[in-house]
Amino acid sequence: MIKFKSLIILLLLVVSCDTGKLKTLVDLPIGLSEVSGIAIDTTNNVIWMVNDSGNKPVLFGIDGSGKIARTIKIKAKNRDWEDLTMDPDGNLYIGNFGNNSNDSKKLSILKIAADSLKKNSNTLVPEVIKFRYPDQKKYPPKKSKRHFDCEAFFFHNDSLYLFTKSRAPKSKGKTNLYTLPAEGGNYKAKFKSSFNTCDEPQCWVTSADINSKGDKMAILTENSVFVFSNLDSKDLFKTKPKRYRFSYESQKESVAFKNDSTLFIADEYLGVAGGNLYSFKIE
């Protein structure tokens, strides 16, 4: 924990600009220009990051100076890696579930064992969690029912919680919540509930996280982050969230709790803007 506190201090010392309330911590290396998931690893003293589809199946560990400290090849195809999460035991999960066209039957989550992350291995073999959505009947469904893309998940109460990204033209803010076991296998996801972020452009859900106490949840979109407090264990959407709007426009893809009052957020580099790791204060 002492080492990780040092990492956080270093990150806070390299603030380069103020993009509204988003405080730039690190200008990410060019190798992470399409960052799609982040997870804070206090044991290994890094922030794990991945890129999305079209990139190599590589897991990157970022140190306190913002440099790539570890590079691990994962023996699995990067069909569309879209988010990262960790469980309390230190196991890492890669969401290989991007599904822009809503036509994929190869959705999965890759589980990387905690013990293997502690080693200096350059290549790791994941445990595979395959799944399908219980309410998807056609591949793809008609456009008004395309709610089966996914870019957001986290580990909570021994399960994986997935938040879909709507591709339906008239309801881009809709997200469906499903759960899955956190062990290798082939499953039908369990539908839990739905939520609508907003009805504006850039409302689709791109990442999610839950704090260590399990009582606060963050849902990220490109233009806002929605923070749910005093979570109901049976229905995570039961309480009304507080919406924090961003004044800085970019393709925000990743969110993780640093602590109960601060989020880490990362966005993709689009040639002019983005490609950074930020901190963002919440109540």
C-alpha atoms as a PDB file:
ATOM      1  CA  MET A   1       0.000   0.000   0.000  1.00  0.00           C
ATOM      2  CA  ILE A   2       2.888   2.384   0.715  1.00  0.00           C
ATOM      3  CA  LYS A   3       4.230   1.870  -2.793  1.00  0.00           C
ATOM      4  CA  PHE A   4       0.809   2.518  -4.290  1.00  0.00           C
ATOM      5  CA  LYS A   5       0.427   5.739  -2.311  1.00  0.00           C
ATOM      6  CA  SER A   6       3.729   6.817  -3.858  1.00  0.00           C
ATOM      7  CA  LEU A   7       2.289   6.062  -7.297  1.00  0.00           C
ATOM      8  CA  ILE A   8      -0.746   8.232  -6.592  1.00  0.00           C
ATOM      9  CA  ILE A   9       1.448  11.091  -5.331  1.00  0.00           C
ATOM     10  CA  LEU A  10       3.581  10.942  -8.465  1.00  0.00           C
ATOM     11  CA  LEU A  11       0.490  11.038 -10.656  1.00  0.00           C
ATOM     12  CA  LEU A  12      -0.799  14.099  -8.848  1.00  0.00           C
ATOM     13  CA  LEU A  13       2.514  15.869  -9.345  1.00  0.00           C
ATOM     14  CA  VAL A  14       2.448  15.644 -13.131  1.00  0.00           C
ATOM     15  CA  VAL A  15      -0.720  17.626 -13.745  1.00  0.00           C
ATOM     16  CA  SER A  16      -0.215  19.326 -17.100  1.00  0.00           C
ATOM     17  CA  CYS A  17      -3.481  21.153 -17.713  1.00  0.00           C
ATOM     18  CA  ASP A  18      -6.973  21.780 -16.379  1.00  0.00           C
ATOM     19  CA  THR A  19      -9.763  20.581 -18.677  1.00  0.00           C
ATOM     20  CA  GLY A  20     -12.662  21.832 -16.603  1.00  0.00           C
ATOM     21  CA  LYS A  21     -12.961  19.693 -13.479  1.00  0.00           C
ATOM     22  CA  LEU A  22     -11.037  16.905 -15.184  1.00  0.00           C
ATOM     23  CA  LYS A  23      -7.457  17.229 -13.940  1.00  0.00           C
ATOM     24  CA  THR A  24      -4.912  15.824 -16.367  1.00  0.00           C
ATOM     25  CA  LEU A  25      -2.529  13.472 -14.574  1.00  0.00           C
ATOM     26  CA  VAL A  26      -0.737  11.700 -17.398  1.00  0.00           C
ATOM     27  CA  ASP A  27      -0.358  12.098 -21.143  1.00  0.00           C
ATOM     28  CA  LEU A  28      -0.614   8.409 -21.981  1.00  0.00           C
ATOM     29  CA  PRO A  29       2.021   6.737 -24.170  1.00  0.00           C
ATOM     30  CA  ILE A  30       1.208   6.461 -27.880  1.00  0.00           C
ATOM     31  CA  GLY A  31       0.882   2.699 -27.381  1.00  0.00           C
ATOM     32  CA  LEU A  32      -2.304   3.402 -25.407  1.00  0.00           C
ATOM     33  CA  SER A  33      -3.959   5.812 -27.839  1.00  0.00           C
ATOM     34  CA  GLU A  34      -7.126   3.674 -27.891  1.00  0.00           C
ATOM     35  CA  VAL A  35      -7.317   2.944 -24.169  1.00  0.00           C
ATOM     36  CA  SER A  36     -10.628   1.282 -23.344  1.00  0.00           C
ATOM     37  CA  GLY A  37     -10.227   0.015 -19.782  1.00  0.00           C
ATOM     38  CA  ILE A  38      -8.312   0.786 -16.585  1.00  0.00           C
ATOM     39  CA  ALA A  39      -7.981  -1.021 -13.242  1.00  0.00           C
ATOM     40  CA  ILE A  40      -5.992   0.057 -10.186  1.00  0.00           C
ATOM     41  CA  ASP A  41      -3.742  -2.716  -8.841  1.00  0.00           C
ATOM     42  CA  THR A  42      -2.383  -1.866  -5.383  1.00  0.00           C
ATOM     43  CA  THR A  43      -0.528  -5.176  -5.069  1.00  0.00           C
ATOM     44  CA  ASN A  44       1.565  -4.782  -8.208  1.00  0.00           C
ATOM     45  CA  ASN A  45       1.770  -0.987  -7.933  1.00  0.00           C
ATOM     46  CA  VAL A  46       0.446  -0.288 -11.425  1.00  0.00           C
ATOM     47  CA  ILE A  47      -2.666   0.835 -13.223  1.00  0.00           C
ATOM     48  CA  TRP A  48      -3.561  -1.832 -15.763  1.00  0.00           C
ATOM     49  CA  MET A  49      -4.789  -0.638 -19.161  1.00  0.00           C
ATOM     50  CA  VAL A  50      -5.890  -2.191 -22.452  1.00  0.00           C
ATOM     51  CA  ASN A  51      -6.728  -0.978 -25.957  1.00  0.00           C
ATOM     52  CA  ASP A  52      -9.876  -1.930 -27.822  1.00  0.00           C
ATOM     53  CA  SER A  53     -10.441  -3.814 -31.100  1.00  0.00           C
ATOM     54  CA  GLY A  54      -7.856  -3.645 -33.853  1.00  0.00           C
ATOM     55  CA  ASN A  55      -5.013  -3.721 -31.337  1.00  0.00           C
ATOM     56  CA  LYS A  56      -2.793  -6.542 -30.116  1.00  0.00           C
ATOM     57  CA  PRO A  57      -3.918  -8.661 -27.118  1.00  0.00           C
ATOM     58  CA  VAL A  58      -1.625  -6.867 -24.693  1.00  0.00           C
ATOM     59  CA  LEU A  59      -2.088  -5.830 -21.080  1.00  0.00           C
ATOM     60  CA  PHE A  60      -0.154  -2.701 -20.070  1.00  0.00           C
ATOM     61  CA  GLY A  61       0.918  -1.701 -16.549  1.00  0.00           C
ATOM     62  CA  ILE A  62       1.407   2.052 -16.071  1.00  0.00           C
ATOM     63  CA  ASP A  63       3.689   3.329 -13.295  1.00  0.00           C
ATOM     64  CA  GLY A  64       3.585   6.574 -11.328  1.00  0.00           C
ATOM     65  CA  SER A  65       5.364   8.582 -14.030  1.00  0.00           C
ATOM     66  CA  GLY A  66       2.860   7.532 -16.661  1.00  0.00           C
ATOM     67  CA  LYS A  67       5.287   5.187 -18.407  1.00  0.00           C
ATOM     68  CA  ILE A  68       4.614   1.602 -19.397  1.00  0.00           C
ATOM     69  CA  ALA A  69       6.279  -0.473 -16.675  1.00  0.00           C
ATOM     70  CA  ARG A  70       4.904  -3.876 -17.719  1.00  0.00           C
ATOM     71  CA  THR A  71       3.739  -5.383 -20.988  1.00  0.00           C
ATOM     72  CA  ILE A  72       2.009  -8.772 -20.927  1.00  0.00           C
ATOM     73  CA  LYS A  73       0.773 -10.630 -23.976  1.00  0.00           C
ATOM     74  CA  ILE A  74      -2.533 -12.369 -23.298  1.00  0.00           C
ATOM     75  CA  LYS A  75      -3.022 -15.610 -25.225  1.00  0.00           C
ATOM     76  CA  ALA A  76      -6.466 -14.703 -26.535  1.00  0.00           C
ATOM     77  CA  LYS A  77      -7.762 -12.642 -29.430  1.00  0.00           C
ATOM     78  CA  ASN A  78      -8.551  -9.000 -28.844  1.00  0.00           C
ATOM     79  CA  ARG A  79     -11.871  -9.248 -30.625  1.00  0.00           C
ATOM     80  CA  ASP A  80     -12.996  -6.090 -28.851  1.00  0.00           C
ATOM     81  CA  TRP A  81     -11.586  -5.464 -25.365  1.00  0.00           C
ATOM     82  CA  GLU A  82     -13.685  -2.749 -23.768  1.00  0.00           C
ATOM     83  CA  ASP A  83     -13.167  -2.597 -19.998  1.00  0.00           C
ATOM     84  CA  LEU A  84     -11.162  -3.927 -17.039  1.00  0.00           C
ATOM     85  CA  THR A  85     -12.025  -4.787 -13.462  1.00  0.00           C
ATOM     86  CA  MET A  86     -10.384  -6.512 -10.485  1.00  0.00           C
ATOM     87  CA  ASP A  87     -11.794  -8.536  -7.599  1.00  0.00           C
ATOM     88  CA  PRO A  88     -10.647  -8.242  -3.949  1.00  0.00           C
ATOM     89  CA  ASP A  89      -8.319 -11.237  -4.411  1.00  0.00           C
ATOM     90  CA  GLY A  90      -6.403  -9.465  -7.162  1.00  0.00           C
ATOM     91  CA  ASN A  91      -7.758 -11.393 -10.150  1.00  0.00           C
ATOM     92  CA  LEU A  92      -8.052  -9.211 -13.257  1.00  0.00           C
ATOM     93  CA  TYR A  93     -10.900  -9.425 -15.775  1.00  0.00           C
ATOM     94  CA  ILE A  94     -10.784  -8.213 -19.394  1.00  0.00           C
ATOM     95  CA  GLY A  95     -14.149  -7.513 -21.010  1.00  0.00           C
ATOM     96  CA  ASN A  96     -13.907  -8.991 -24.504  1.00  0.00           C
ATOM     97  CA  PHE A  97     -17.516  -8.065 -25.172  1.00  0.00           C
ATOM     98  CA  GLY A  98     -17.584  -5.096 -27.543  1.00  0.00           C
ATOM     99  CA  ASN A  99     -20.389  -5.745 -30.025  1.00  0.00           C
ATOM    100  CA  ASN A 100     -20.989  -2.663 -32.180  1.00  0.00           C
ATOM    101  CA  SER A 101     -23.193  -4.441 -34.712  1.00  0.00           C
ATOM    102  CA  ASN A 102     -25.004  -6.571 -32.111  1.00  0.00           C
ATOM    103  CA  ASP A 103     -24.257  -9.661 -34.208  1.00  0.00           C
ATOM    104  CA  SER A 104     -21.519 -11.446 -32.228  1.00  0.00           C
ATOM    105  CA  LYS A 105     -21.935 -14.902 -30.703  1.00  0.00           C
ATOM    106  CA  LYS A 106     -18.381 -14.847 -29.319  1.00  0.00           C
ATOM    107  CA  LEU A 107     -18.761 -12.623 -26.262  1.00  0.00           C
ATOM    108  CA  SER A 108     -16.415 -13.386 -23.374  1.00  0.00           C
ATOM    109  CA  ILE A 109     -14.538 -12.164 -20.327  1.00  0.00           C
ATOM    110  CA  LEU A 110     -10.907 -13.142 -19.810  1.00  0.00           C
ATOM    111  CA  LYS A 111      -9.878 -13.849 -16.214  1.00  0.00           C
ATOM    112  CA  ILE A 112      -6.204 -13.377 -15.309  1.00  0.00           C
ATOM    113  CA  ALA A 113      -5.218 -15.068 -12.048  1.00  0.00           C
ATOM    114  CA  ALA A 114      -3.760 -12.836  -9.327  1.00  0.00           C
ATOM    115  CA  ASP A 115      -0.745 -15.125  -8.810  1.00  0.00           C
ATOM    116  CA  SER A 116       0.204 -14.922 -12.484  1.00  0.00           C
ATOM    117  CA  LEU A 117       0.203 -11.108 -12.371  1.00  0.00           C
ATOM    118  CA  LYS A 118       2.773 -11.191  -9.567  1.00  0.00           C
ATOM    119  CA  LYS A 119       5.227 -13.078 -11.755  1.00  0.00           C
ATOM    120  CA  ASN A 120       7.470 -11.529 -14.380  1.00  0.00           C
ATOM    121  CA  SER A 121       5.970 -13.566 -17.207  1.00  0.00           C
ATOM    122  CA  ASN A 122       5.605 -11.798 -20.559  1.00  0.00           C
ATOM    123  CA  THR A 123       2.790 -14.108 -21.679  1.00  0.00           C
ATOM    124  CA  LEU A 124      -0.275 -15.306 -19.768  1.00  0.00           C
ATOM    125  CA  VAL A 125      -3.095 -17.709 -20.551  1.00  0.00           C
ATOM    126  CA  PRO A 126      -6.521 -16.524 -19.320  1.00  0.00           C
ATOM    127  CA  GLU A 127      -9.473 -18.432 -17.983  1.00  0.00           C
ATOM    128  CA  VAL A 128     -12.401 -17.772 -20.345  1.00  0.00           C
ATOM    129  CA  ILE A 129     -15.921 -16.836 -19.258  1.00  0.00           C
ATOM    130  CA  LYS A 130     -18.212 -17.162 -22.301  1.00  0.00           C
ATOM    131  CA  PHE A 131     -21.725 -15.765 -22.238  1.00  0.00           C
ATOM    132  CA  ARG A 132     -24.803 -14.734 -24.178  1.00  0.00           C
ATOM    133  CA  TYR A 133     -27.680 -12.379 -23.438  1.00  0.00           C
ATOM    134  CA  PRO A 134     -30.932 -14.145 -22.457  1.00  0.00           C
ATOM    135  CA  ASP A 135     -33.151 -11.704 -24.362  1.00  0.00           C
ATOM    136  CA  GLN A 136     -31.259 -11.610 -27.664  1.00  0.00           C
ATOM    137  CA  LYS A 137     -33.019 -13.746 -30.275  1.00  0.00           C
ATOM    138  CA  LYS A 138     -31.596 -12.390 -33.549  1.00  0.00           C
ATOM    139  CA  TYR A 139     -28.007 -11.580 -34.622  1.00  0.00           C
ATOM    140  CA  PRO A 140     -28.316  -8.709 -35.233  1.00  0.00           C
ATOM    141  CA  PRO A 141     -31.774  -7.670 -34.017  1.00  0.00           C
ATOM    142  CA  LYS A 142     -33.609  -4.824 -35.733  1.00  0.00           C
ATOM    143  CA  LYS A 143     -32.096  -1.414 -35.064  1.00  0.00           C
ATOM    144  CA  SER A 144     -34.634  -0.391 -32.413  1.00  0.00           C
ATOM    145  CA  LYS A 145     -33.636  -3.401 -30.278  1.00  0.00           C
ATOM    146  CA  ARG A 146     -29.849  -3.152 -30.504  1.00  0.00           C
ATOM    147  CA  HIS A 147     -29.015  -3.025 -26.811  1.00  0.00           C
ATOM    148  CA  PHE A 148     -26.409  -5.817 -26.808  1.00  0.00           C
ATOM    149  CA  ASP A 149     -23.142  -3.926 -27.174  1.00  0.00           C
ATOM    150  CA  CYS A 150     -21.130  -3.661 -23.943  1.00  0.00           C
ATOM    151  CA  GLU A 151     -18.214  -1.516 -22.769  1.00  0.00           C
ATOM    152  CA  ALA A 152     -18.693  -1.493 -19.001  1.00  0.00           C
ATOM    153  CA  PHE A 153     -18.491  -3.921 -16.101  1.00  0.00           C
ATOM    154  CA  PHE A 154     -17.176  -4.485 -12.586  1.00  0.00           C
ATOM    155  CA  PHE A 155     -16.822  -7.216  -9.967  1.00  0.00           C
ATOM    156  CA  HIS A 156     -19.229  -7.093  -7.016  1.00  0.00           C
ATOM    157  CA  ASN A 157     -20.510  -9.652  -4.498  1.00  0.00           C
ATOM    158  CA  ASP A 158     -18.784 -12.619  -6.199  1.00  0.00           C
ATOM    159  CA  SER A 159     -20.284 -11.771  -9.604  1.00  0.00           C
ATOM    160  CA  LEU A 160     -19.541  -9.706 -12.681  1.00  0.00           C
ATOM    161  CA  TYR A 161     -21.965  -6.860 -13.407  1.00  0.00           C
ATOM    162  CA  LEU A 162     -22.265  -5.868 -17.080  1.00  0.00           C
ATOM    163  CA  PHE A 163     -23.785  -2.606 -18.347  1.00  0.00           C
ATOM    164  CA  THR A 164     -24.757  -2.572 -22.013  1.00  0.00           C
ATOM    165  CA  LYS A 165     -24.166   0.234 -24.488  1.00  0.00           C
ATOM    166  CA  SER A 166     -27.236   0.920 -26.599  1.00  0.00           C
ATOM    167  CA  ARG A 167     -26.891   1.113 -30.375  1.00  0.00           C
ATOM    168  CA  ALA A 168     -30.596   1.851 -30.871  1.00  0.00           C
ATOM    169  CA  PRO A 169     -30.821   5.253 -32.635  1.00  0.00           C
ATOM    170  CA  LYS A 170     -33.636   6.606 -30.441  1.00  0.00           C
ATOM    171  CA  SER A 171     -32.421   5.374 -27.047  1.00  0.00           C
ATOM    172  CA  LYS A 172     -28.637   5.745 -26.870  1.00  0.00           C
ATOM    173  CA  GLY A 173     -28.765   6.437 -23.141  1.00  0.00           C
ATOM    174  CA  LYS A 174     -30.352   3.112 -22.256  1.00  0.00           C
ATOM    175  CA  THR A 175     -28.226   0.566 -20.403  1.00  0.00           C
ATOM    176  CA  ASN A 176     -29.265  -2.922 -19.322  1.00  0.00           C
ATOM    177  CA  LEU A 177     -27.616  -4.524 -16.308  1.00  0.00           C
ATOM    178  CA  TYR A 178     -26.748  -8.236 -16.367  1.00  0.00           C
ATOM    179  CA  THR A 179     -24.778 -10.467 -14.009  1.00  0.00           C
ATOM    180  CA  LEU A 180     -22.459 -13.414 -14.630  1.00  0.00           C
ATOM    181  CA  PRO A 181     -20.467 -15.840 -12.470  1.00  0.00           C
ATOM    182  CA  ALA A 182     -16.807 -14.838 -12.144  1.00  0.00           C
ATOM    183  CA  GLU A 183     -15.528 -18.314 -13.041  1.00  0.00           C
ATOM    184  CA  GLY A 184     -14.704 -19.940 -16.360  1.00  0.00           C
ATOM    185  CA  GLY A 185     -17.629 -21.500 -18.181  1.00  0.00           C
ATOM    186  CA  ASN A 186     -20.359 -20.855 -20.740  1.00  0.00           C
ATOM    187  CA  TYR A 187     -23.305 -18.922 -19.320  1.00  0.00           C
ATOM    188  CA  LYS A 188     -26.567 -17.196 -20.052  1.00  0.00           C
ATOM    189  CA  ALA A 189     -26.289 -13.766 -18.420  1.00  0.00           C
ATOM    190  CA  LYS A 190     -28.976 -12.842 -15.882  1.00  0.00           C
ATOM    191  CA  PHE A 191     -30.915  -9.648 -16.563  1.00  0.00           C
ATOM    192  CA  LYS A 192     -31.291  -7.391 -13.496  1.00  0.00           C
ATOM    193  CA  SER A 193     -32.644  -3.952 -14.449  1.00  0.00           C
ATOM    194  CA  SER A 194     -32.342  -0.969 -16.811  1.00  0.00           C
ATOM    195  CA  PHE A 195     -31.429   2.693 -16.572  1.00  0.00           C
ATOM    196  CA  ASN A 196     -31.429   5.682 -18.940  1.00  0.00           C
ATOM    197  CA  THR A 197     -28.475   8.032 -18.572  1.00  0.00           C
ATOM    198  CA  CYS A 198     -29.773  10.902 -20.711  1.00  0.00           C
ATOM    199  CA  ASP A 199     -31.362  11.707 -24.061  1.00  0.00           C
ATOM    200  CA  GLU A 200     -28.562  13.855 -25.429  1.00  0.00           C
ATOM    201  CA  PRO A 201     -25.716  12.995 -27.804  1.00  0.00           C
ATOM    202  CA  GLN A 202     -22.815  11.097 -26.182  1.00  0.00           C
ATOM    203  CA  CYS A 203     -25.068   9.465 -23.586  1.00  0.00           C
ATOM    204  CA  TRP A 204     -24.127   5.834 -24.192  1.00  0.00           C
ATOM    205  CA  VAL A 205     -22.365   3.964 -21.396  1.00  0.00           C
ATOM    206  CA  THR A 206     -18.620   3.429 -21.918  1.00  0.00           C
ATOM    207  CA  SER A 207     -17.368   2.209 -18.506  1.00  0.00           C
ATOM    208  CA  ALA A 208     -18.424   1.537 -14.920  1.00  0.00           C
ATOM    209  CA  ASP A 209     -16.897   0.903 -11.503  1.00  0.00           C
ATOM    210  CA  ILE A 210     -17.870   0.376  -7.877  1.00  0.00           C
ATOM    211  CA  ASN A 211     -15.956   1.534  -4.805  1.00  0.00           C
ATOM    212  CA  SER A 212     -14.218  -0.851  -2.415  1.00  0.00           C
ATOM    213  CA  LYS A 213     -17.030  -0.641   0.166  1.00  0.00           C
ATOM    214  CA  GLY A 214     -19.626  -1.513  -2.451  1.00  0.00           C
ATOM    215  CA  ASP A 215     -21.908   1.399  -1.637  1.00  0.00           C
ATOM    216  CA  LYS A 216     -21.058   3.801  -4.471  1.00  0.00           C
ATOM    217  CA  MET A 217     -21.168   3.187  -8.242  1.00  0.00           C
ATOM    218  CA  ALA A 218     -19.972   5.282 -11.195  1.00  0.00           C
ATOM    219  CA  ILE A 219     -21.436   4.984 -14.704  1.00  0.00           C
ATOM    220  CA  LEU A 220     -19.406   6.803 -17.382  1.00  0.00           C
ATOM    221  CA  THR A 221     -20.609   8.325 -20.643  1.00  0.00           C
ATOM    222  CA  GLU A 222     -18.714  10.634 -22.971  1.00  0.00           C
ATOM    223  CA  ASN A 223     -20.384  13.756 -21.583  1.00  0.00           C
ATOM    224  CA  SER A 224     -21.046  12.834 -17.921  1.00  0.00           C
ATOM    225  CA  VAL A 225     -20.437  10.496 -15.039  1.00  0.00           C
ATOM    226  CA  PHE A 226     -23.418   9.297 -12.985  1.00  0.00           C
ATOM    227  CA  VAL A 227     -22.636   8.469  -9.354  1.00  0.00           C
ATOM    228  CA  PHE A 228     -25.059   6.290  -7.377  1.00  0.00           C
ATOM    229  CA  SER A 229     -24.656   6.356  -3.586  1.00  0.00           C
ATOM    230  CA  ASN A 230     -26.167   4.226  -0.799  1.00  0.00           C
ATOM    231  CA  LEU A 231     -26.573   1.351  -3.243  1.00  0.00           C
ATOM    232  CA  ASP A 232     -29.393  -1.132  -2.822  1.00  0.00           C
ATOM    233  CA  SER A 233     -27.840  -4.599  -3.112  1.00  0.00           C
ATOM    234  CA  LYS A 234     -30.907  -5.969  -4.913  1.00  0.00           C
ATOM    235  CA  ASP A 235     -31.244  -3.116  -7.425  1.00  0.00           C
ATOM    236  CA  LEU A 236     -28.178  -0.963  -8.127  1.00  0.00           C
ATOM    237  CA  PHE A 237     -30.312   1.526 -10.068  1.00  0.00           C
ATOM    238  CA  LYS A 238     -32.849   2.037  -7.251  1.00  0.00           C
ATOM    239  CA  THR A 239     -31.274   5.178  -5.811  1.00  0.00           C
ATOM    240  CA  LYS A 240     -31.227   8.409  -7.794  1.00  0.00           C
ATOM    241  CA  PRO A 241     -27.731   9.239  -9.089  1.00  0.00           C
ATOM    242  CA  LYS A 242     -25.939  12.545  -9.112  1.00  0.00           C
ATOM    243  CA  ARG A 243     -24.921  13.573 -12.597  1.00  0.00           C
ATOM    244  CA  TYR A 244     -21.576  15.316 -13.145  1.00  0.00           C
ATOM    245  CA  ARG A 245     -21.350  16.904 -16.581  1.00  0.00           C
ATOM    246  CA  PHE A 246     -17.968  17.303 -18.287  1.00  0.00           C
ATOM    247  CA  SER A 247     -17.066  20.652 -19.813  1.00  0.00           C
ATOM    248  CA  TYR A 248     -14.298  18.965 -21.811  1.00  0.00           C
ATOM    249  CA  GLU A 249     -15.379  16.979 -24.882  1.00  0.00           C
ATOM    250  CA  SER A 250     -13.482  13.777 -25.665  1.00  0.00           C
ATOM    251  CA  GLN A 251     -14.037  10.064 -26.158  1.00  0.00           C
ATOM    252  CA  LYS A 252     -14.020   9.002 -22.523  1.00  0.00           C
ATOM    253  CA  GLU A 253     -13.741   5.217 -22.277  1.00  0.00           C
ATOM    254  CA  SER A 254     -12.642   4.216 -18.768  1.00  0.00           C
ATOM    255  CA  VAL A 255     -13.436   4.955 -15.134  1.00  0.00           C
ATOM    256  CA  ALA A 256     -12.087   3.599 -11.817  1.00  0.00           C
ATOM    257  CA  PHE A 257     -12.461   4.662  -8.199  1.00  0.00           C
ATOM    258  CA  LYS A 258      -9.242   5.949  -6.672  1.00  0.00           C
ATOM    259  CA  ASN A 259     -11.200   6.459  -3.429  1.00  0.00           C
ATOM    260  CA  ASP A 260     -14.723   7.483  -2.403  1.00  0.00           C
ATOM    261  CA  SER A 261     -14.232  11.092  -3.510  1.00  0.00           C
ATOM    262  CA  THR A 262     -11.999  10.748  -6.583  1.00  0.00           C
ATOM    263  CA  LEU A 263     -12.335   8.934  -9.895  1.00  0.00           C
ATOM    264  CA  PHE A 264      -9.676   8.132 -12.465  1.00  0.00           C
ATOM    265  CA  ILE A 265     -10.913   8.612 -16.043  1.00  0.00           C
ATOM    266  CA  ALA A 266      -9.131   7.878 -19.325  1.00  0.00           C
ATOM    267  CA  ASP A 267      -9.985   8.872 -22.892  1.00  0.00           C
ATOM    268  CA  GLU A 268      -8.833   7.873 -26.356  1.00  0.00           C
ATOM    269  CA  TYR A 269      -6.458  10.036 -28.383  1.00  0.00           C
ATOM    270  CA  LEU A 270      -8.277  11.418 -31.424  1.00  0.00           C
ATOM    271  CA  GLY A 271      -5.386  13.243 -33.068  1.00  0.00           C
ATOM    272  CA  VAL A 272      -6.069  16.606 -31.393  1.00  0.00           C
ATOM    273  CA  ALA A 273      -7.661  15.931 -28.008  1.00  0.00           C
ATOM    274  CA  GLY A 274      -7.629  13.150 -25.439  1.00  0.00           C
ATOM    275  CA  GLY A 275      -5.159  10.359 -24.790  1.00  0.00           C
ATOM    276  CA  ASN A 276      -4.882  11.223 -21.091  1.00  0.00           C
ATOM    277  CA  LEU A 277      -5.483   9.876 -17.614  1.00  0.00           C
ATOM    278  CA  TYR A 278      -7.463  12.302 -15.414  1.00  0.00           C
ATOM    279  CA  SER A 279      -8.644  12.625 -11.852  1.00  0.00           C
ATOM    280  CA  PHE A 280     -12.178  13.844 -11.167  1.00  0.00           C
ATOM    281  CA  LYS A 281     -13.616  14.882  -7.798  1.00  0.00           C
ATOM    282  CA  ILE A 282     -17.056  13.688  -6.731  1.00  0.00           C
ATOM    283  CA  GLU A 283     -19.080  14.085  -3.535  1.00  0.00           C
END
